[in-house]
Protein backbone atom coordinates (compact mmCIF):
# COMPACT_ATOMS: atom_id res chain seq x y z
CA MET A 1 140.65 73.91 109.52
CA ARG A 2 139.14 75.34 112.65
CA SER A 3 137.08 78.12 110.78
CA THR A 4 135.83 75.72 107.97
CA GLY A 5 134.44 73.61 110.95
CA PHE A 6 133.02 76.41 112.87
CA ALA A 7 131.36 77.76 110.03
CA LEU A 8 130.06 74.19 108.66
CA LEU A 9 128.80 74.39 112.42
CA CYS A 10 127.27 77.70 112.26
CA MET A 11 125.27 76.84 108.93
CA VAL A 12 124.00 73.55 110.33
CA ALA A 13 122.55 75.63 113.47
CA ALA A 14 120.78 77.97 111.11
CA ALA A 15 119.29 75.79 109.18
CA ILE A 16 118.34 73.83 112.15
CA ILE A 17 116.54 77.39 113.18
CA VAL A 18 115.21 78.60 110.09
CA VAL A 19 114.06 75.48 108.12
CA PRO A 20 111.18 74.28 110.66
CA ALA A 21 109.92 78.17 111.04
CA VAL A 22 109.69 78.41 107.37
CA ARG A 23 107.56 75.18 107.10
CA ALA A 24 105.21 76.40 109.97
CA GLN A 25 104.50 79.59 108.21
CA ARG A 26 103.74 77.74 104.80
CA SER A 27 101.79 75.05 106.53
CA ALA A 28 99.66 77.31 108.72
CA PRO A 29 96.45 78.31 106.58
CA PRO A 30 95.71 81.84 107.04
CA ASP A 31 92.39 82.30 109.00
CA ALA A 32 91.05 85.52 107.07
CA SER A 33 88.44 86.38 109.26
CA ARG A 34 90.65 86.67 112.47
CA ASP A 35 93.55 88.40 110.93
CA ALA A 36 91.70 90.93 108.80
CA ARG A 37 90.42 92.62 112.19
CA THR A 38 92.39 95.51 113.44
CA VAL A 39 93.91 95.43 116.90
CA ALA A 40 90.94 97.88 117.95
CA GLN A 41 88.48 95.40 116.72
CA LYS A 42 89.98 92.45 118.60
CA LYS A 43 89.32 94.47 121.69
CA ILE A 44 85.29 94.60 120.83
CA SER A 45 83.12 91.43 121.38
CA PRO A 46 82.05 89.86 118.25
CA ARG A 47 78.62 90.38 119.18
CA LEU A 48 79.17 94.10 119.24
CA LEU A 49 81.32 94.06 116.05
CA SER A 50 78.25 92.33 114.11
CA ALA A 51 75.90 94.98 115.38
CA ILE A 52 78.28 97.67 113.97
CA TYR A 53 78.54 95.88 110.89
CA ARG A 54 75.08 95.50 110.59
CA ARG A 55 74.43 99.23 111.41
CA ARG A 56 77.03 100.20 108.57
CA GLY A 57 75.35 97.61 106.12
CA ASP A 58 78.64 96.02 105.93
CA LEU A 59 78.03 92.36 106.17
CA GLN A 60 79.79 91.10 103.14
CA GLY A 61 82.23 88.76 104.04
CA LYS A 62 82.54 89.27 107.72
CA ALA A 63 82.31 86.77 110.28
CA VAL A 64 78.95 87.74 112.28
CA ALA A 65 77.53 86.47 115.38
CA LYS A 66 74.14 84.85 114.85
CA ASP A 67 72.20 86.50 117.61
CA PRO A 68 72.72 89.94 118.03
CA SER A 69 69.47 90.56 119.73
CA SER A 70 70.95 90.26 123.09
CA ILE A 71 72.57 93.91 122.74
CA GLN A 72 70.63 96.62 124.02
CA VAL A 73 70.51 99.35 121.35
CA ASP A 74 68.52 102.73 122.06
CA ARG A 75 66.60 104.71 119.24
CA HIS A 76 69.91 106.86 118.90
CA GLY A 77 71.98 103.99 117.89
CA ARG A 78 73.76 103.86 121.17
CA ALA A 79 74.72 100.43 122.66
CA LEU A 80 74.52 99.62 126.50
CA VAL A 81 78.14 98.47 126.90
CA ASP A 82 80.89 97.41 129.64
CA VAL A 83 84.24 99.14 128.78
CA ARG A 84 86.98 97.38 130.36
CA ALA A 85 89.60 99.88 131.49
CA GLN A 86 91.11 101.48 134.43
CA VAL A 87 88.68 104.11 135.57
CA ARG A 88 90.33 107.53 134.64
CA PRO A 89 88.69 111.11 134.10
CA ASP A 90 90.56 111.22 130.47
CA LEU A 91 88.91 108.51 129.53
CA GLU A 92 85.18 109.15 130.62
CA LYS A 93 85.66 112.45 129.13
CA LYS A 94 86.63 110.78 125.76
CA ILE A 95 83.49 108.58 126.20
CA LYS A 96 81.38 111.68 126.53
CA ALA A 97 83.01 113.35 123.62
CA LEU A 98 82.26 110.35 121.27
CA GLY A 99 78.52 110.85 122.19
CA GLY A 100 78.41 108.28 125.05
CA ILE A 101 76.65 108.58 128.33
CA VAL A 102 78.21 107.01 131.34
CA VAL A 103 75.88 105.05 133.44
CA SER A 104 78.12 103.68 136.15
CA THR A 105 81.87 103.28 136.94
CA SER A 106 83.59 101.00 138.98
CA GLN A 107 87.07 101.46 139.95
CA THR A 108 87.30 97.60 141.65
CA TYR A 109 86.46 96.08 138.68
CA ASP A 110 88.20 98.31 136.01
CA SER A 111 84.58 98.87 134.65
CA ILE A 112 83.00 101.91 132.76
CA VAL A 113 79.18 100.92 131.84
CA GLY A 114 77.53 103.32 129.39
CA TRP A 115 75.46 103.80 126.32
CA MET A 116 77.61 104.31 123.30
CA PRO A 117 76.92 104.93 119.54
CA LEU A 118 77.82 101.83 117.97
CA GLN A 119 79.92 103.53 114.94
CA THR A 120 82.22 105.02 117.35
CA LEU A 121 83.18 102.00 119.45
CA GLU A 122 86.15 101.40 117.19
CA ARG A 123 87.47 104.91 118.18
CA LEU A 124 87.10 104.19 121.45
CA ALA A 125 88.91 100.70 121.43
CA THR A 126 91.82 102.42 120.18
CA ASP A 127 92.57 104.04 123.20
CA PRO A 128 95.66 102.22 124.78
CA GLY A 129 93.87 102.03 128.25
CA VAL A 130 90.81 99.92 126.84
CA ARG A 131 91.24 96.26 127.27
CA ALA A 132 87.94 95.32 126.16
CA ILE A 133 84.44 96.20 125.22
CA GLU A 134 81.62 93.89 125.88
CA PRO A 135 77.84 94.41 125.83
CA ALA A 136 76.65 95.39 129.44
CA ALA A 137 74.72 92.80 131.53
CA GLN A 138 71.04 93.64 131.73
């Protein structure tokens, strides 16, 4: 009798936990534009991502920022960006290896400002130390 009661109690507890979770998954519409972004892309500001998509000619089905003009891009396709990460020599070396030019660093603000090729920003964002990549203030 006790084991039957205990089994019944366990099944009720499991139903109380599982059923609302399943309902929440079914009722929440997936946000395709957010879910489709990789972890690295989520670190890059939407304005920079839009500039990358435009450069690639890959705007089809992408949510893009309306005003990419505030991003400085030189004639070599490099954007002036602010990489938010702990300033480390190996990260600076990686930026240079990806074709970037370091303009300034600040250990106080965990910031590296530099010119980076738009096409390589996603590879830079894969570095675990990089928290965010944003357009640099002018």
